[in-house]
C-alpha atoms as a PDB file:
ATOM      1  CA  MET A   1      -1.548  12.555  -2.050  1.00  0.00           C
ATOM      2  CA  ALA A   2       1.650  14.258  -1.003  1.00  0.00           C
ATOM      3  CA  THR A   3       4.343  11.841   0.077  1.00  0.00           C
ATOM      4  CA  CYS A   4       7.848  12.453   1.213  1.00  0.00           C
ATOM      5  CA  SER A   5       9.565  10.058  -1.181  1.00  0.00           C
ATOM      6  CA  PRO A   6      13.049  10.323   0.329  1.00  0.00           C
ATOM      7  CA  CYS A   7      11.596   9.582   3.784  1.00  0.00           C
ATOM      8  CA  ARG A   8       9.639   6.449   2.829  1.00  0.00           C
ATOM      9  CA  SER A   9      10.665   3.146   1.343  1.00  0.00           C
ATOM     10  CA  LYS A  10       9.582   2.421  -2.198  1.00  0.00           C
ATOM     11  CA  HIS A  11       7.310  -0.437  -1.113  1.00  0.00           C
ATOM     12  CA  VAL A  12       5.541   1.864   1.360  1.00  0.00           C
ATOM     13  CA  ASN A  13       4.900   4.452  -1.360  1.00  0.00           C
ATOM     14  CA  LEU A  14       3.605   1.772  -3.728  1.00  0.00           C
ATOM     15  CA  ILE A  15       1.215   0.389  -1.115  1.00  0.00           C
ATOM     16  CA  GLU A  16      -0.067   3.836  -0.160  1.00  0.00           C
ATOM     17  CA  GLN A  17      -0.719   4.648  -3.832  1.00  0.00           C
ATOM     18  CA  CYS A  18      -2.895   1.516  -4.151  1.00  0.00           C
ATOM     19  CA  TYR A  19      -5.339   2.751  -1.526  1.00  0.00           C
ATOM     20  CA  PRO A  20      -8.140   5.006  -2.740  1.00  0.00           C
ATOM     21  CA  GLY A  21      -8.096   8.619  -1.643  1.00  0.00           C
ATOM     22  CA  LYS A  22     -10.372  10.067   0.984  1.00  0.00           C
ATOM     23  CA  GLU A  23     -12.738  11.348  -1.706  1.00  0.00           C
ATOM     24  CA  GLY A  24     -14.788   8.157  -1.571  1.00  0.00           C
ATOM     25  CA  GLY A  25     -13.176   5.371  -3.555  1.00  0.00           C
ATOM     26  CA  THR A  26     -13.759   1.893  -2.171  1.00  0.00           C
ATOM     27  CA  THR A  27     -11.646  -0.311  -4.435  1.00  0.00           C
ATOM     28  CA  PRO A  28      -7.872  -0.336  -4.862  1.00  0.00           C
ATOM     29  CA  ARG A  29      -6.413   1.455  -7.855  1.00  0.00           C
ATOM     30  CA  SER A  30      -5.799  -1.287 -10.392  1.00  0.00           C
ATOM     31  CA  SER A  31      -2.747   0.078 -12.214  1.00  0.00           C
ATOM     32  CA  GLU A  32      -0.924   0.822  -8.949  1.00  0.00           C
ATOM     33  CA  LEU A  33      -1.890  -2.593  -7.594  1.00  0.00           C
ATOM     34  CA  SER A  34      -0.501  -4.220 -10.740  1.00  0.00           C
ATOM     35  CA  TYR A  35       2.784  -2.364 -10.324  1.00  0.00           C
ATOM     36  CA  LEU A  36       2.985  -3.361  -6.638  1.00  0.00           C
ATOM     37  CA  THR A  37       2.444  -6.993  -7.674  1.00  0.00           C
ATOM     38  CA  PHE A  38       5.197  -6.711 -10.290  1.00  0.00           C
ATOM     39  CA  TYR A  39       7.525  -5.044  -7.757  1.00  0.00           C
ATOM     40  CA  ALA A  40       6.990  -7.752  -5.143  1.00  0.00           C
ATOM     41  CA  ASN A  41       7.274 -10.515  -7.738  1.00  0.00           C
ATOM     42  CA  SER A  42      10.540  -9.227  -9.187  1.00  0.00           C
ATOM     43  CA  ARG A  43      12.114  -8.547  -5.773  1.00  0.00           C
ATOM     44  CA  PRO A  44      11.459 -11.589  -3.571  1.00  0.00           C
ATOM     45  CA  ALA A  45      13.575 -10.134  -0.748  1.00  0.00           C
ATOM     46  CA  LYS A  46      11.074  -7.264  -0.422  1.00  0.00           C
ATOM     47  CA  LEU A  47       8.020  -9.528  -0.230  1.00  0.00           C
ATOM     48  CA  SER A  48       8.251  -9.921   3.549  1.00  0.00           C
ATOM     49  CA  LYS A  49       8.490  -6.136   3.980  1.00  0.00           C
ATOM     50  CA  VAL A  50       5.493  -5.603   1.689  1.00  0.00           C
ATOM     51  CA  GLY A  51       3.439  -8.182   3.587  1.00  0.00           C
ATOM     52  CA  SER A  52       4.446  -6.777   6.955  1.00  0.00           C
ATOM     53  CA  TYR A  53       3.495  -3.223   5.992  1.00  0.00           C
ATOM     54  CA  ILE A  54       0.140  -4.302   4.542  1.00  0.00           C
ATOM     55  CA  GLN A  55      -0.590  -6.224   7.752  1.00  0.00           C
ATOM     56  CA  LYS A  56       0.197  -3.141   9.873  1.00  0.00           C
ATOM     57  CA  LYS A  57      -1.980  -0.968   7.644  1.00  0.00           C
ATOM     58  CA  VAL A  58      -4.924  -3.378   7.785  1.00  0.00           C
ATOM     59  CA  ASN A  59      -4.649  -3.701  11.574  1.00  0.00           C
ATOM     60  CA  LYS A  60      -4.653   0.093  11.878  1.00  0.00           C
ATOM     61  CA  ASP A  61      -7.719   0.335   9.621  1.00  0.00           C
ATOM     62  CA  ILE A  62      -9.528  -2.268  11.738  1.00  0.00           C
ATOM     63  CA  ARG A  63      -8.688  -0.452  14.980  1.00  0.00           C
ATOM     64  CA  LYS A  64     -10.020   2.797  13.538  1.00  0.00           C
ATOM     65  CA  GLY A  65     -13.217   1.096  12.352  1.00  0.00           C
ATOM     66  CA  ARG A  66     -12.635   1.627   8.639  1.00  0.00           C
ATOM     67  CA  LYS A  67     -14.660  -0.837   6.636  1.00  0.00           C
ATOM     68  CA  GLU A  68     -13.744   0.244   3.115  1.00  0.00           C
END
């Protein structure tokens, strides 16, 4: 996945890396998910931003009818 790192926040990049690619994965990538958990745990000020972005992403997935 090509991301524009300077254009996105670190928490956004970490969340996007947790999602499986379009090639058919249905579960989150475990090592990236572990790092996102560590990141949010070690930076409590970022936890609200992480939660807010995940909520936006889930709402978008629901609107588009993505089930996995």
